[in-house]
Amino acid sequence: MSKLTFDQVEQKVRELAAENPEFVYETGGHTVCQYNPDEEQPGCIFGQALIALERPVPGTLEAEPIAKVLDELGVETTEGQKCWVSAVQSRQDTFSPWGEAVNYADAYFAE
């Protein structure tokens, strides 16, 4: 299996946001957002992206910030890229639609 890159993750997140710009992630019965889907929720934007890239988030990292998850998965990131993914995640986790979450991150943290 080839090494996962930030560009692959970013592209898949952008695709999901473009396909579902008005989607608002809900945690279901969980107290925090989940990367991986279950019967109560479909998984967050990064969880869905990583599953599509055949790199699902291990359960031990379920509640961790996306920057740490990417690091644990061996994805090399710059500080700006970490800020971008963190901004997307933060906006999504506070009930912004996916399209808005990506647009916000682009406005403040695009490289």
Protein backbone atom coordinates (compact mmCIF):
# COMPACT_ATOMS: atom_id res chain seq x y z
CA MET A 1 0.00 0.00 0.00
CA SER A 2 1.42 3.37 -0.98
CA LYS A 3 1.99 6.17 1.48
CA LEU A 4 -0.98 8.42 2.15
CA THR A 5 -0.32 12.08 1.36
CA PHE A 6 -1.88 15.28 2.61
CA ASP A 7 -2.87 16.17 -0.95
CA GLN A 8 -4.92 12.97 -1.19
CA VAL A 9 -6.70 13.72 2.09
CA GLU A 10 -7.34 17.34 1.14
CA GLN A 11 -8.67 16.38 -2.29
CA LYS A 12 -11.08 13.82 -0.83
CA VAL A 13 -12.30 16.28 1.83
CA ARG A 14 -12.90 18.88 -0.89
CA GLU A 15 -14.78 16.30 -2.99
CA LEU A 16 -17.03 15.37 -0.07
CA ALA A 17 -17.70 19.04 0.72
CA ALA A 18 -18.48 19.77 -2.94
CA GLU A 19 -20.82 16.77 -3.17
CA ASN A 20 -22.55 17.61 0.13
CA PRO A 21 -22.04 21.35 0.77
CA GLU A 22 -25.09 21.69 3.02
CA PHE A 23 -24.46 18.53 5.05
CA VAL A 24 -24.27 19.20 8.79
CA TYR A 25 -22.56 16.46 10.77
CA GLU A 26 -24.43 15.31 13.88
CA THR A 27 -22.77 13.17 16.54
CA GLY A 28 -25.75 10.90 17.05
CA GLY A 29 -25.69 9.66 20.63
CA HIS A 30 -21.98 10.37 21.03
CA THR A 31 -20.61 13.23 23.12
CA VAL A 32 -17.86 13.95 20.59
CA CYS A 33 -17.64 13.67 16.83
CA GLN A 34 -16.65 10.29 15.44
CA TYR A 35 -14.42 9.53 12.49
CA ASN A 36 -15.92 6.13 11.82
CA PRO A 37 -19.60 5.58 11.04
CA ASP A 38 -21.95 3.55 13.19
CA GLU A 39 -25.70 3.07 13.46
CA GLU A 40 -26.13 6.55 14.98
CA GLN A 41 -24.03 8.72 12.65
CA PRO A 42 -22.26 8.54 9.26
CA GLY A 43 -18.76 9.55 10.39
CA CYS A 44 -17.26 13.00 10.07
CA ILE A 45 -15.83 14.46 6.87
CA PHE A 46 -12.30 13.28 7.67
CA GLY A 47 -13.50 9.83 8.68
CA GLN A 48 -15.39 9.49 5.41
CA ALA A 49 -12.41 10.79 3.44
CA LEU A 50 -9.98 8.39 5.09
CA ILE A 51 -12.31 5.43 4.62
CA ALA A 52 -12.64 6.33 0.93
CA LEU A 53 -8.83 6.40 0.77
CA GLU A 54 -8.75 2.94 2.41
CA ARG A 55 -7.13 4.30 5.58
CA PRO A 56 -9.87 4.19 8.24
CA VAL A 57 -9.06 5.80 11.57
CA PRO A 58 -8.10 3.22 14.21
CA GLY A 59 -10.53 3.10 17.13
CA THR A 60 -7.77 4.15 19.51
CA LEU A 61 -7.67 7.54 17.75
CA GLU A 62 -11.44 8.07 17.57
CA ALA A 63 -11.57 11.17 19.80
CA GLU A 64 -8.22 12.66 18.78
CA PRO A 65 -7.79 15.86 16.73
CA ILE A 66 -7.37 15.31 13.00
CA ALA A 67 -3.81 16.70 13.02
CA LYS A 68 -2.79 13.95 15.45
CA VAL A 69 -4.66 11.30 13.46
CA LEU A 70 -2.84 12.28 10.27
CA ASP A 71 0.47 12.21 12.11
CA GLU A 72 -0.29 8.73 13.48
CA LEU A 73 -1.21 7.56 9.98
CA GLY A 74 2.16 8.78 8.70
CA VAL A 75 0.81 11.71 6.69
CA GLU A 76 3.42 14.46 6.50
CA THR A 77 1.92 17.91 7.06
CA THR A 78 3.14 21.47 7.32
CA GLU A 79 1.96 23.76 10.11
CA GLY A 80 -0.34 25.48 7.62
CA GLN A 81 -1.86 22.17 6.58
CA LYS A 82 -2.42 21.24 10.22
CA CYS A 83 -4.20 24.56 10.70
CA TRP A 84 -6.34 23.92 7.62
CA VAL A 85 -7.52 20.46 8.71
CA SER A 86 -8.06 21.69 12.27
CA ALA A 87 -10.19 24.58 10.99
CA VAL A 88 -12.32 22.29 8.83
CA GLN A 89 -12.76 19.91 11.76
CA SER A 90 -13.57 22.69 14.23
CA ARG A 91 -16.21 24.22 11.97
CA GLN A 92 -17.75 20.85 11.20
CA ASP A 93 -17.81 19.94 14.90
CA THR A 94 -19.69 23.16 15.69
CA PHE A 95 -22.41 22.34 13.15
CA SER A 96 -21.27 24.31 10.12
CA PRO A 97 -22.20 22.71 6.80
CA TRP A 98 -19.27 20.97 5.13
CA GLY A 99 -19.07 23.52 2.32
CA GLU A 100 -18.82 26.38 4.82
CA ALA A 101 -16.24 24.51 6.89
CA VAL A 102 -13.92 24.12 3.91
CA ASN A 103 -14.51 27.71 2.75
CA TYR A 104 -13.65 29.01 6.23
CA ALA A 105 -10.44 26.99 6.34
CA ASP A 106 -9.51 28.21 2.86
CA ALA A 107 -10.09 31.84 3.83
CA TYR A 108 -7.78 31.68 6.81
CA PHE A 109 -5.34 28.82 6.29
CA ALA A 110 -4.95 27.99 2.58
CA GLU A 111 -1.33 27.61 1.51
